[in-house]
N, C-alpha and C. Protein backbone atom coordinates (compact mmCIF):
# COMPACT_ATOMS: atom_id res chain seq x y z
N MET A 1 -32.29 -51.07 -32.46
CA MET A 1 -31.52 -50.27 -31.53
C MET A 1 -31.71 -50.83 -30.12
N ALA A 2 -30.62 -50.95 -29.39
CA ALA A 2 -30.66 -51.45 -28.02
C ALA A 2 -31.29 -50.41 -27.10
N GLN A 3 -31.77 -50.88 -25.96
CA GLN A 3 -32.32 -49.97 -24.96
C GLN A 3 -31.24 -49.04 -24.42
N SER A 4 -31.65 -47.83 -24.06
CA SER A 4 -30.80 -46.92 -23.29
C SER A 4 -31.27 -47.05 -21.85
N LYS A 5 -30.62 -47.91 -21.11
CA LYS A 5 -31.06 -48.22 -19.75
C LYS A 5 -30.69 -47.10 -18.78
N ILE A 6 -31.62 -46.83 -17.88
CA ILE A 6 -31.41 -45.83 -16.85
C ILE A 6 -31.80 -46.45 -15.52
N LEU A 7 -30.85 -46.49 -14.60
CA LEU A 7 -31.08 -47.09 -13.29
C LEU A 7 -31.51 -46.01 -12.30
N LEU A 8 -32.58 -46.28 -11.58
CA LEU A 8 -33.11 -45.34 -10.59
C LEU A 8 -32.74 -45.77 -9.19
N ASP A 9 -32.38 -44.80 -8.34
CA ASP A 9 -32.26 -45.15 -6.93
C ASP A 9 -33.66 -45.05 -6.31
N THR A 10 -33.78 -45.35 -5.04
CA THR A 10 -35.09 -45.41 -4.40
C THR A 10 -35.81 -44.07 -4.45
N SER A 11 -35.13 -43.01 -4.13
CA SER A 11 -35.76 -41.69 -4.12
C SER A 11 -36.29 -41.33 -5.51
N ALA A 12 -35.49 -41.54 -6.53
CA ALA A 12 -35.93 -41.25 -7.90
C ALA A 12 -37.15 -42.10 -8.26
N TYR A 13 -37.12 -43.37 -7.88
CA TYR A 13 -38.27 -44.23 -8.14
C TYR A 13 -39.53 -43.68 -7.48
N LEU A 14 -39.41 -43.30 -6.20
CA LEU A 14 -40.57 -42.80 -5.47
C LEU A 14 -41.11 -41.50 -6.08
N HIS A 15 -40.23 -40.69 -6.64
CA HIS A 15 -40.67 -39.45 -7.29
C HIS A 15 -41.35 -39.72 -8.64
N LEU A 16 -40.91 -40.74 -9.35
CA LEU A 16 -41.35 -40.93 -10.74
C LEU A 16 -42.39 -42.03 -10.96
N ALA A 17 -42.49 -42.97 -10.04
CA ALA A 17 -43.32 -44.16 -10.28
C ALA A 17 -44.79 -43.85 -10.54
N VAL A 18 -45.37 -42.95 -9.79
CA VAL A 18 -46.79 -42.65 -9.97
C VAL A 18 -47.03 -41.75 -11.18
N PRO A 19 -46.34 -40.61 -11.29
CA PRO A 19 -46.65 -39.74 -12.43
C PRO A 19 -46.32 -40.35 -13.80
N PHE A 20 -45.43 -41.34 -13.83
CA PHE A 20 -45.03 -41.91 -15.12
C PHE A 20 -45.29 -43.43 -15.19
N HIS A 21 -46.30 -43.89 -14.45
CA HIS A 21 -46.62 -45.32 -14.46
C HIS A 21 -47.22 -45.73 -15.81
N PRO A 22 -46.89 -46.91 -16.33
CA PRO A 22 -45.88 -47.86 -15.82
C PRO A 22 -44.47 -47.35 -16.13
N LEU A 23 -43.65 -47.33 -15.11
CA LEU A 23 -42.33 -46.71 -15.23
C LEU A 23 -41.23 -47.71 -15.59
N ILE A 24 -41.20 -48.83 -14.90
CA ILE A 24 -40.08 -49.76 -15.00
C ILE A 24 -40.23 -50.68 -16.22
N GLY A 25 -39.13 -50.79 -16.98
CA GLY A 25 -39.07 -51.73 -18.09
C GLY A 25 -39.79 -51.31 -19.36
N GLU A 26 -40.32 -50.12 -19.42
CA GLU A 26 -41.05 -49.64 -20.59
C GLU A 26 -40.13 -48.80 -21.47
N GLU A 27 -39.99 -49.15 -22.73
CA GLU A 27 -39.17 -48.37 -23.65
C GLU A 27 -39.90 -47.09 -24.03
N ARG A 28 -39.14 -45.99 -24.02
CA ARG A 28 -39.73 -44.68 -24.31
C ARG A 28 -38.87 -43.93 -25.32
N GLY A 29 -39.50 -43.43 -26.35
CA GLY A 29 -38.83 -42.57 -27.30
C GLY A 29 -37.93 -43.30 -28.29
N LEU A 30 -37.37 -42.50 -29.19
CA LEU A 30 -36.51 -42.99 -30.26
C LEU A 30 -35.31 -43.78 -29.74
N PHE A 31 -34.74 -43.33 -28.62
CA PHE A 31 -33.56 -43.99 -28.06
C PHE A 31 -33.90 -45.11 -27.08
N LYS A 32 -35.17 -45.44 -26.99
CA LYS A 32 -35.63 -46.56 -26.15
C LYS A 32 -35.15 -46.42 -24.70
N TYR A 33 -35.33 -45.22 -24.14
CA TYR A 33 -34.99 -45.02 -22.73
C TYR A 33 -35.85 -45.96 -21.90
N THR A 34 -35.21 -46.71 -21.03
CA THR A 34 -35.91 -47.71 -20.24
C THR A 34 -35.40 -47.63 -18.80
N PHE A 35 -36.33 -47.43 -17.87
CA PHE A 35 -35.98 -47.29 -16.46
C PHE A 35 -35.99 -48.65 -15.77
N TYR A 36 -35.04 -48.81 -14.87
CA TYR A 36 -34.93 -50.07 -14.14
C TYR A 36 -34.58 -49.84 -12.68
N LEU A 37 -34.89 -50.87 -11.90
CA LEU A 37 -34.43 -51.01 -10.53
C LEU A 37 -33.49 -52.22 -10.52
N THR A 38 -32.93 -52.53 -9.36
CA THR A 38 -32.08 -53.72 -9.23
C THR A 38 -32.75 -54.73 -8.31
N ASP A 39 -32.17 -55.90 -8.22
CA ASP A 39 -32.69 -56.90 -7.29
C ASP A 39 -32.49 -56.48 -5.83
N LYS A 40 -31.70 -55.46 -5.58
CA LYS A 40 -31.46 -54.96 -4.22
C LYS A 40 -32.60 -54.06 -3.73
N HIS A 41 -33.35 -53.47 -4.64
CA HIS A 41 -34.38 -52.51 -4.25
C HIS A 41 -35.44 -53.11 -3.34
N GLU A 42 -35.96 -54.27 -3.68
CA GLU A 42 -37.03 -54.85 -2.86
C GLU A 42 -36.55 -55.10 -1.43
N ASN A 43 -35.27 -55.48 -1.28
CA ASN A 43 -34.73 -55.65 0.07
C ASN A 43 -34.76 -54.32 0.82
N GLU A 44 -34.34 -53.26 0.15
CA GLU A 44 -34.37 -51.95 0.80
C GLU A 44 -35.81 -51.54 1.13
N PHE A 45 -36.73 -51.78 0.21
CA PHE A 45 -38.12 -51.43 0.45
C PHE A 45 -38.67 -52.17 1.67
N ARG A 46 -38.34 -53.46 1.79
CA ARG A 46 -38.82 -54.25 2.93
C ARG A 46 -38.24 -53.72 4.25
N GLU A 47 -36.99 -53.30 4.22
CA GLU A 47 -36.33 -52.83 5.44
C GLU A 47 -36.66 -51.39 5.81
N SER A 48 -37.24 -50.66 4.89
CA SER A 48 -37.47 -49.23 5.09
C SER A 48 -38.74 -48.96 5.88
N ASN A 49 -38.61 -48.31 7.02
CA ASN A 49 -39.78 -47.89 7.77
C ASN A 49 -40.56 -46.82 7.03
N LEU A 50 -39.87 -46.02 6.24
CA LEU A 50 -40.50 -44.94 5.51
C LEU A 50 -41.67 -45.44 4.69
N LEU A 51 -41.48 -46.54 4.00
CA LEU A 51 -42.53 -47.03 3.10
C LEU A 51 -43.66 -47.71 3.85
N SER A 52 -43.36 -48.31 4.99
CA SER A 52 -44.40 -49.05 5.70
C SER A 52 -45.26 -48.15 6.58
N ILE A 53 -44.71 -47.03 7.05
CA ILE A 53 -45.49 -46.19 7.96
C ILE A 53 -45.95 -44.87 7.35
N ASN A 54 -45.43 -44.51 6.20
CA ASN A 54 -45.75 -43.20 5.62
C ASN A 54 -46.95 -43.31 4.69
N PRO A 55 -48.04 -42.61 5.02
CA PRO A 55 -49.23 -42.70 4.16
C PRO A 55 -49.03 -42.10 2.76
N LYS A 56 -47.96 -41.33 2.55
CA LYS A 56 -47.69 -40.78 1.23
C LYS A 56 -47.49 -41.88 0.19
N PHE A 57 -47.03 -43.03 0.66
CA PHE A 57 -46.68 -44.11 -0.26
C PHE A 57 -47.70 -45.24 -0.24
N PHE A 58 -48.97 -44.88 -0.03
CA PHE A 58 -50.04 -45.87 -0.02
C PHE A 58 -50.05 -46.70 -1.31
N TRP A 59 -49.69 -46.08 -2.40
CA TRP A 59 -49.73 -46.72 -3.73
C TRP A 59 -48.68 -47.82 -3.87
N PHE A 60 -47.65 -47.75 -3.05
CA PHE A 60 -46.49 -48.63 -3.20
C PHE A 60 -46.86 -50.12 -3.16
N LYS A 61 -47.85 -50.46 -2.35
CA LYS A 61 -48.24 -51.87 -2.21
C LYS A 61 -49.39 -52.26 -3.14
N GLU A 62 -49.76 -51.38 -4.04
CA GLU A 62 -50.78 -51.73 -5.03
C GLU A 62 -50.18 -52.71 -6.03
N GLU A 63 -50.99 -53.65 -6.45
CA GLU A 63 -50.54 -54.74 -7.32
C GLU A 63 -49.85 -54.24 -8.58
N LYS A 64 -50.37 -53.19 -9.21
CA LYS A 64 -49.78 -52.73 -10.47
C LYS A 64 -48.35 -52.22 -10.28
N TYR A 65 -48.05 -51.65 -9.12
CA TYR A 65 -46.68 -51.18 -8.85
C TYR A 65 -45.77 -52.34 -8.47
N ILE A 66 -46.30 -53.28 -7.72
CA ILE A 66 -45.52 -54.47 -7.36
C ILE A 66 -45.12 -55.23 -8.61
N VAL A 67 -46.06 -55.45 -9.50
CA VAL A 67 -45.79 -56.17 -10.75
C VAL A 67 -44.78 -55.40 -11.59
N ASN A 68 -44.94 -54.09 -11.69
CA ASN A 68 -44.02 -53.29 -12.51
C ASN A 68 -42.59 -53.33 -11.95
N ARG A 69 -42.45 -53.37 -10.63
CA ARG A 69 -41.10 -53.40 -10.02
C ARG A 69 -40.38 -54.73 -10.22
N LYS A 70 -41.06 -55.73 -10.70
CA LYS A 70 -40.41 -57.03 -10.92
C LYS A 70 -39.52 -57.02 -12.16
N ARG A 71 -39.59 -55.99 -12.95
CA ARG A 71 -38.77 -55.88 -14.17
C ARG A 71 -37.45 -55.22 -13.76
N ILE A 72 -36.48 -56.04 -13.37
CA ILE A 72 -35.23 -55.52 -12.81
C ILE A 72 -34.04 -55.80 -13.72
N LEU A 73 -32.98 -55.05 -13.46
CA LEU A 73 -31.71 -55.31 -14.13
C LEU A 73 -31.00 -56.44 -13.39
N THR A 74 -30.46 -57.36 -14.13
CA THR A 74 -29.70 -58.45 -13.51
C THR A 74 -28.28 -58.46 -14.06
N LEU A 75 -27.42 -59.08 -13.30
CA LEU A 75 -26.01 -59.17 -13.68
C LEU A 75 -25.67 -60.60 -14.09
N SER A 76 -24.75 -60.72 -15.04
CA SER A 76 -24.23 -62.04 -15.40
C SER A 76 -23.31 -62.51 -14.26
N LYS A 77 -22.89 -63.75 -14.30
CA LYS A 77 -21.98 -64.26 -13.26
C LYS A 77 -20.69 -63.45 -13.21
N GLN A 78 -20.15 -63.11 -14.37
CA GLN A 78 -18.93 -62.30 -14.42
C GLN A 78 -19.17 -60.91 -13.85
N GLN A 79 -20.31 -60.33 -14.17
CA GLN A 79 -20.63 -59.00 -13.65
C GLN A 79 -20.85 -59.02 -12.14
N VAL A 80 -21.39 -60.13 -11.63
CA VAL A 80 -21.57 -60.26 -10.18
C VAL A 80 -20.21 -60.21 -9.49
N LYS A 81 -19.23 -60.93 -10.03
CA LYS A 81 -17.88 -60.90 -9.46
C LYS A 81 -17.30 -59.49 -9.50
N GLU A 82 -17.44 -58.85 -10.65
CA GLU A 82 -16.93 -57.48 -10.80
C GLU A 82 -17.64 -56.54 -9.82
N ALA A 83 -18.95 -56.69 -9.68
CA ALA A 83 -19.73 -55.83 -8.78
C ALA A 83 -19.31 -56.04 -7.32
N ASP A 84 -19.13 -57.29 -6.93
CA ASP A 84 -18.72 -57.58 -5.55
C ASP A 84 -17.38 -56.91 -5.23
N LEU A 85 -16.43 -57.02 -6.14
CA LEU A 85 -15.12 -56.39 -5.93
C LEU A 85 -15.23 -54.87 -5.86
N LEU A 86 -15.97 -54.30 -6.78
CA LEU A 86 -16.13 -52.85 -6.80
C LEU A 86 -16.84 -52.36 -5.54
N PHE A 87 -17.87 -53.07 -5.13
CA PHE A 87 -18.60 -52.72 -3.90
C PHE A 87 -17.64 -52.67 -2.72
N LYS A 88 -16.83 -53.70 -2.56
CA LYS A 88 -15.88 -53.76 -1.44
C LYS A 88 -14.87 -52.62 -1.51
N GLU A 89 -14.38 -52.32 -2.71
CA GLU A 89 -13.41 -51.22 -2.87
C GLU A 89 -14.04 -49.88 -2.47
N ILE A 90 -15.25 -49.65 -2.92
CA ILE A 90 -15.92 -48.38 -2.62
C ILE A 90 -16.21 -48.26 -1.13
N VAL A 91 -16.74 -49.32 -0.53
CA VAL A 91 -17.04 -49.28 0.90
C VAL A 91 -15.78 -49.01 1.71
N LYS A 92 -14.68 -49.61 1.32
CA LYS A 92 -13.40 -49.40 2.00
C LYS A 92 -12.95 -47.94 1.90
N ALA A 93 -13.26 -47.30 0.76
CA ALA A 93 -12.82 -45.93 0.52
C ALA A 93 -13.73 -44.87 1.14
N LEU A 94 -14.95 -45.22 1.51
CA LEU A 94 -15.92 -44.23 2.00
C LEU A 94 -15.40 -43.36 3.15
N PRO A 95 -14.77 -43.94 4.17
CA PRO A 95 -14.28 -43.09 5.26
C PRO A 95 -13.25 -42.05 4.79
N TYR A 96 -12.45 -42.41 3.84
CA TYR A 96 -11.42 -41.50 3.32
C TYR A 96 -12.04 -40.39 2.47
N LEU A 97 -13.22 -40.68 1.94
CA LEU A 97 -13.92 -39.70 1.11
C LEU A 97 -14.93 -38.88 1.90
N GLY A 98 -15.09 -39.21 3.18
CA GLY A 98 -16.07 -38.51 4.00
C GLY A 98 -17.50 -38.84 3.64
N LEU A 99 -17.73 -40.06 3.16
CA LEU A 99 -19.05 -40.45 2.68
C LEU A 99 -19.61 -41.65 3.46
N GLU A 100 -19.28 -41.76 4.71
CA GLU A 100 -19.72 -42.91 5.51
C GLU A 100 -21.24 -43.02 5.61
N GLU A 101 -21.94 -41.89 5.45
CA GLU A 101 -23.40 -41.92 5.61
C GLU A 101 -24.14 -42.57 4.46
N LEU A 102 -23.47 -42.82 3.34
CA LEU A 102 -24.14 -43.51 2.24
C LEU A 102 -24.48 -44.93 2.66
N SER A 103 -25.68 -45.35 2.32
CA SER A 103 -26.12 -46.69 2.72
C SER A 103 -25.51 -47.73 1.78
N PRO A 104 -25.45 -48.98 2.23
CA PRO A 104 -24.99 -50.05 1.34
C PRO A 104 -25.85 -50.14 0.07
N TYR A 105 -27.14 -49.86 0.21
CA TYR A 105 -28.00 -49.89 -0.98
C TYR A 105 -27.60 -48.82 -1.98
N ASP A 106 -27.31 -47.61 -1.48
CA ASP A 106 -26.84 -46.54 -2.37
C ASP A 106 -25.62 -47.00 -3.16
N ILE A 107 -24.70 -47.63 -2.45
CA ILE A 107 -23.46 -48.10 -3.09
C ILE A 107 -23.78 -49.17 -4.13
N TRP A 108 -24.67 -50.10 -3.79
CA TRP A 108 -25.02 -51.15 -4.74
C TRP A 108 -25.62 -50.57 -6.02
N TYR A 109 -26.51 -49.57 -5.89
CA TYR A 109 -27.12 -48.99 -7.09
C TYR A 109 -26.05 -48.37 -7.98
N LEU A 110 -25.12 -47.68 -7.36
CA LEU A 110 -24.02 -47.08 -8.12
C LEU A 110 -23.16 -48.16 -8.78
N VAL A 111 -22.87 -49.21 -8.05
CA VAL A 111 -22.06 -50.31 -8.58
C VAL A 111 -22.76 -50.95 -9.79
N TYR A 112 -24.06 -51.19 -9.68
CA TYR A 112 -24.79 -51.75 -10.82
C TYR A 112 -24.67 -50.84 -12.04
N ALA A 113 -24.85 -49.53 -11.81
CA ALA A 113 -24.76 -48.59 -12.93
C ALA A 113 -23.38 -48.64 -13.58
N LYS A 114 -22.35 -48.73 -12.76
CA LYS A 114 -20.97 -48.76 -13.28
C LYS A 114 -20.73 -50.06 -14.05
N VAL A 115 -21.08 -51.19 -13.46
CA VAL A 115 -20.82 -52.49 -14.08
C VAL A 115 -21.64 -52.65 -15.37
N LEU A 116 -22.87 -52.18 -15.35
CA LEU A 116 -23.73 -52.31 -16.53
C LEU A 116 -23.56 -51.16 -17.53
N LYS A 117 -22.75 -50.18 -17.14
CA LYS A 117 -22.48 -49.02 -18.00
C LYS A 117 -23.79 -48.31 -18.38
N THR A 118 -24.63 -48.08 -17.36
CA THR A 118 -25.91 -47.40 -17.55
C THR A 118 -25.87 -46.02 -16.90
N LYS A 119 -26.82 -45.21 -17.27
CA LYS A 119 -27.02 -43.93 -16.60
C LYS A 119 -27.68 -44.20 -15.25
N PHE A 120 -27.50 -43.26 -14.33
CA PHE A 120 -27.95 -43.45 -12.96
C PHE A 120 -28.67 -42.18 -12.50
N VAL A 121 -29.82 -42.34 -11.82
CA VAL A 121 -30.58 -41.19 -11.33
C VAL A 121 -30.68 -41.26 -9.82
N THR A 122 -30.21 -40.18 -9.19
CA THR A 122 -30.29 -40.03 -7.74
C THR A 122 -30.37 -38.55 -7.41
N ASP A 123 -31.08 -38.23 -6.34
CA ASP A 123 -31.14 -36.85 -5.88
C ASP A 123 -30.18 -36.62 -4.71
N ASP A 124 -29.40 -37.62 -4.38
CA ASP A 124 -28.43 -37.53 -3.29
C ASP A 124 -27.14 -36.92 -3.84
N SER A 125 -26.81 -35.71 -3.41
CA SER A 125 -25.65 -35.00 -3.97
C SER A 125 -24.34 -35.72 -3.67
N LYS A 126 -24.23 -36.36 -2.52
CA LYS A 126 -22.98 -37.08 -2.21
C LYS A 126 -22.84 -38.33 -3.06
N LEU A 127 -23.95 -38.99 -3.31
CA LEU A 127 -23.92 -40.16 -4.18
C LEU A 127 -23.60 -39.74 -5.62
N ARG A 128 -24.09 -38.59 -6.02
CA ARG A 128 -23.75 -38.07 -7.35
C ARG A 128 -22.26 -37.76 -7.45
N ASP A 129 -21.69 -37.20 -6.40
CA ASP A 129 -20.25 -36.93 -6.38
C ASP A 129 -19.47 -38.23 -6.54
N LEU A 130 -19.90 -39.26 -5.81
CA LEU A 130 -19.24 -40.56 -5.91
C LEU A 130 -19.43 -41.14 -7.32
N ALA A 131 -20.60 -40.98 -7.89
CA ALA A 131 -20.85 -41.46 -9.26
C ALA A 131 -19.92 -40.75 -10.24
N ASP A 132 -19.75 -39.44 -10.05
CA ASP A 132 -18.82 -38.69 -10.91
C ASP A 132 -17.40 -39.25 -10.78
N ALA A 133 -16.99 -39.54 -9.55
CA ALA A 133 -15.65 -40.08 -9.31
C ALA A 133 -15.48 -41.45 -9.94
N GLN A 134 -16.58 -42.18 -10.09
CA GLN A 134 -16.55 -43.51 -10.70
C GLN A 134 -16.84 -43.46 -12.21
N ASP A 135 -16.92 -42.26 -12.75
CA ASP A 135 -17.24 -42.06 -14.18
C ASP A 135 -18.56 -42.68 -14.59
N VAL A 136 -19.56 -42.54 -13.72
CA VAL A 136 -20.90 -43.02 -14.02
C VAL A 136 -21.76 -41.81 -14.38
N THR A 137 -22.31 -41.80 -15.58
CA THR A 137 -23.19 -40.72 -15.99
C THR A 137 -24.41 -40.71 -15.08
N ASN A 138 -24.68 -39.54 -14.51
CA ASN A 138 -25.79 -39.47 -13.56
C ASN A 138 -26.57 -38.18 -13.72
N PHE A 139 -27.82 -38.25 -13.27
CA PHE A 139 -28.74 -37.12 -13.30
C PHE A 139 -29.43 -37.04 -11.94
N ASP A 140 -29.91 -35.85 -11.58
CA ASP A 140 -30.92 -35.82 -10.53
C ASP A 140 -32.26 -35.91 -11.24
N THR A 141 -33.34 -35.99 -10.50
CA THR A 141 -34.65 -36.21 -11.12
C THR A 141 -35.01 -35.10 -12.10
N LEU A 142 -34.76 -33.85 -11.72
CA LEU A 142 -35.12 -32.74 -12.62
C LEU A 142 -34.26 -32.73 -13.88
N GLU A 143 -32.98 -33.02 -13.75
CA GLU A 143 -32.12 -33.10 -14.93
C GLU A 143 -32.58 -34.21 -15.87
N LEU A 144 -33.00 -35.33 -15.29
CA LEU A 144 -33.53 -36.43 -16.10
C LEU A 144 -34.76 -35.97 -16.88
N LEU A 145 -35.68 -35.31 -16.19
CA LEU A 145 -36.88 -34.84 -16.88
C LEU A 145 -36.55 -33.84 -17.98
N LYS A 146 -35.60 -32.96 -17.74
CA LYS A 146 -35.17 -32.00 -18.76
C LYS A 146 -34.61 -32.74 -19.98
N HIS A 147 -33.77 -33.75 -19.70
CA HIS A 147 -33.19 -34.55 -20.79
C HIS A 147 -34.30 -35.25 -21.58
N LEU A 148 -35.26 -35.84 -20.90
CA LEU A 148 -36.34 -36.55 -21.58
C LEU A 148 -37.25 -35.60 -22.34
N LEU A 149 -37.42 -34.39 -21.84
CA LEU A 149 -38.20 -33.38 -22.56
C LEU A 149 -37.48 -32.99 -23.84
N LYS A 150 -36.18 -32.76 -23.72
CA LYS A 150 -35.37 -32.39 -24.89
C LYS A 150 -35.41 -33.48 -25.96
N GLU A 151 -35.42 -34.72 -25.53
CA GLU A 151 -35.46 -35.86 -26.46
C GLU A 151 -36.88 -36.19 -26.91
N VAL A 152 -37.85 -35.40 -26.51
CA VAL A 152 -39.26 -35.57 -26.85
C VAL A 152 -39.79 -36.94 -26.40
N VAL A 153 -39.37 -37.34 -25.22
CA VAL A 153 -39.84 -38.59 -24.63
C VAL A 153 -41.03 -38.30 -23.71
N ILE A 154 -41.02 -37.12 -23.10
CA ILE A 154 -42.14 -36.67 -22.27
C ILE A 154 -42.52 -35.26 -22.72
N SER A 155 -43.70 -34.85 -22.32
CA SER A 155 -44.21 -33.53 -22.73
C SER A 155 -44.13 -32.54 -21.58
N PRO A 156 -44.23 -31.25 -21.89
CA PRO A 156 -44.29 -30.24 -20.82
C PRO A 156 -45.46 -30.49 -19.86
N ASN A 157 -46.58 -30.95 -20.39
CA ASN A 157 -47.73 -31.23 -19.53
C ASN A 157 -47.44 -32.35 -18.54
N GLU A 158 -46.66 -33.34 -18.96
CA GLU A 158 -46.30 -34.43 -18.04
C GLU A 158 -45.39 -33.91 -16.93
N ILE A 159 -44.51 -32.99 -17.26
CA ILE A 159 -43.64 -32.41 -16.23
C ILE A 159 -44.46 -31.59 -15.24
N LYS A 160 -45.40 -30.79 -15.75
CA LYS A 160 -46.28 -30.01 -14.87
C LYS A 160 -47.09 -30.94 -13.96
N ALA A 161 -47.59 -32.02 -14.53
CA ALA A 161 -48.39 -32.97 -13.76
C ALA A 161 -47.54 -33.64 -12.68
N ALA A 162 -46.29 -33.98 -13.02
CA ALA A 162 -45.40 -34.59 -12.03
C ALA A 162 -45.13 -33.61 -10.88
N LYS A 163 -44.85 -32.35 -11.21
CA LYS A 163 -44.61 -31.36 -10.15
C LYS A 163 -45.85 -31.20 -9.28
N LYS A 164 -47.00 -31.15 -9.90
CA LYS A 164 -48.24 -31.03 -9.14
C LYS A 164 -48.40 -32.23 -8.21
N TYR A 165 -48.10 -33.40 -8.70
CA TYR A 165 -48.18 -34.61 -7.86
C TYR A 165 -47.22 -34.49 -6.68
N TRP A 166 -45.97 -34.08 -6.95
CA TRP A 166 -44.98 -33.98 -5.87
C TRP A 166 -45.37 -32.96 -4.82
N THR A 167 -45.89 -31.82 -5.26
CA THR A 167 -46.17 -30.73 -4.32
C THR A 167 -47.56 -30.82 -3.70
N ASP A 168 -48.58 -31.16 -4.48
CA ASP A 168 -49.95 -31.13 -3.98
C ASP A 168 -50.43 -32.46 -3.41
N VAL A 169 -50.08 -33.56 -4.07
CA VAL A 169 -50.56 -34.87 -3.63
C VAL A 169 -49.63 -35.48 -2.60
N GLN A 170 -48.35 -35.60 -2.94
CA GLN A 170 -47.40 -36.24 -2.05
C GLN A 170 -46.80 -35.31 -1.02
N ASN A 171 -46.84 -34.02 -1.28
CA ASN A 171 -46.25 -33.03 -0.37
C ASN A 171 -44.80 -33.40 -0.02
N PHE A 172 -44.04 -33.78 -1.06
CA PHE A 172 -42.62 -34.09 -0.87
C PHE A 172 -41.90 -32.84 -0.37
N PRO A 173 -40.99 -32.98 0.56
CA PRO A 173 -40.20 -31.82 1.02
C PRO A 173 -39.13 -31.49 -0.03
N LEU A 174 -39.49 -30.69 -1.00
CA LEU A 174 -38.61 -30.45 -2.14
C LEU A 174 -37.60 -29.34 -1.89
N GLY A 175 -37.90 -28.41 -1.01
CA GLY A 175 -36.92 -27.40 -0.65
C GLY A 175 -36.74 -26.29 -1.66
N LYS A 176 -36.04 -25.24 -1.22
CA LYS A 176 -35.80 -24.06 -2.05
C LYS A 176 -34.92 -24.39 -3.26
N SER A 177 -33.92 -25.23 -3.07
CA SER A 177 -33.02 -25.53 -4.19
C SER A 177 -33.77 -26.27 -5.30
N PHE A 178 -34.72 -27.13 -4.92
CA PHE A 178 -35.54 -27.82 -5.92
C PHE A 178 -36.36 -26.81 -6.71
N SER A 179 -37.03 -25.92 -6.00
CA SER A 179 -37.88 -24.92 -6.67
C SER A 179 -37.06 -24.05 -7.60
N ALA A 180 -35.89 -23.61 -7.13
CA ALA A 180 -35.03 -22.76 -7.97
C ALA A 180 -34.58 -23.53 -9.21
N LYS A 181 -34.18 -24.77 -9.02
CA LYS A 181 -33.72 -25.56 -10.17
C LYS A 181 -34.87 -25.85 -11.12
N TYR A 182 -36.04 -26.17 -10.58
CA TYR A 182 -37.22 -26.41 -11.43
C TYR A 182 -37.49 -25.17 -12.28
N ASN A 183 -37.51 -24.02 -11.64
CA ASN A 183 -37.79 -22.78 -12.36
C ASN A 183 -36.72 -22.48 -13.41
N ARG A 184 -35.48 -22.79 -13.11
CA ARG A 184 -34.38 -22.56 -14.07
C ARG A 184 -34.50 -23.51 -15.27
N LEU A 185 -34.75 -24.79 -15.00
CA LEU A 185 -34.80 -25.79 -16.08
C LEU A 185 -36.08 -25.71 -16.91
N PHE A 186 -37.17 -25.34 -16.26
CA PHE A 186 -38.47 -25.40 -16.92
C PHE A 186 -39.19 -24.05 -16.93
N LYS A 187 -38.44 -22.99 -17.04
CA LYS A 187 -39.03 -21.65 -16.96
C LYS A 187 -40.06 -21.39 -18.07
N LYS A 188 -39.95 -22.08 -19.19
CA LYS A 188 -40.88 -21.86 -20.30
C LYS A 188 -42.12 -22.74 -20.22
N ILE A 189 -42.18 -23.55 -19.19
CA ILE A 189 -43.34 -24.46 -19.05
C ILE A 189 -44.39 -23.80 -18.17
């Protein structure tokens, strides 16, 4: 059985990398769910002040995470051409869609997911709307965890541990909508 590839955007990676390490390139479960980044991620990471100045992400420069992030999705020459065209079309359409605030990296991640016909994980609601418009199957982080729990790829204890990491260790600003959705999706945990 082939892998069921799932592409993560930066935010999803930052939420999942520590609680589910090794995260990237590891097959999980009967359907071989496998998480990936793209070759564009490292460029975004290098350019991001968030990662270089925020002590929450001290782990990011640890060797085991650097090595794990090297397992990326790549495109064939034909897919590169298709991706370049799609990227340009989407960028051109952003002002008409009221989505100018999406970064070029956000667009690239979506384009990779579309070209590679993979699932896509992002917590950015506008990027999810664009993914829906592009017919790209997408999840937010909590929906992904619910799906993986249902498929018996992760356990309830792993979900509890991830939430504890997000709230107690990383102190991610998860907001009321996150808490409400967590409670709705995982009320029995």
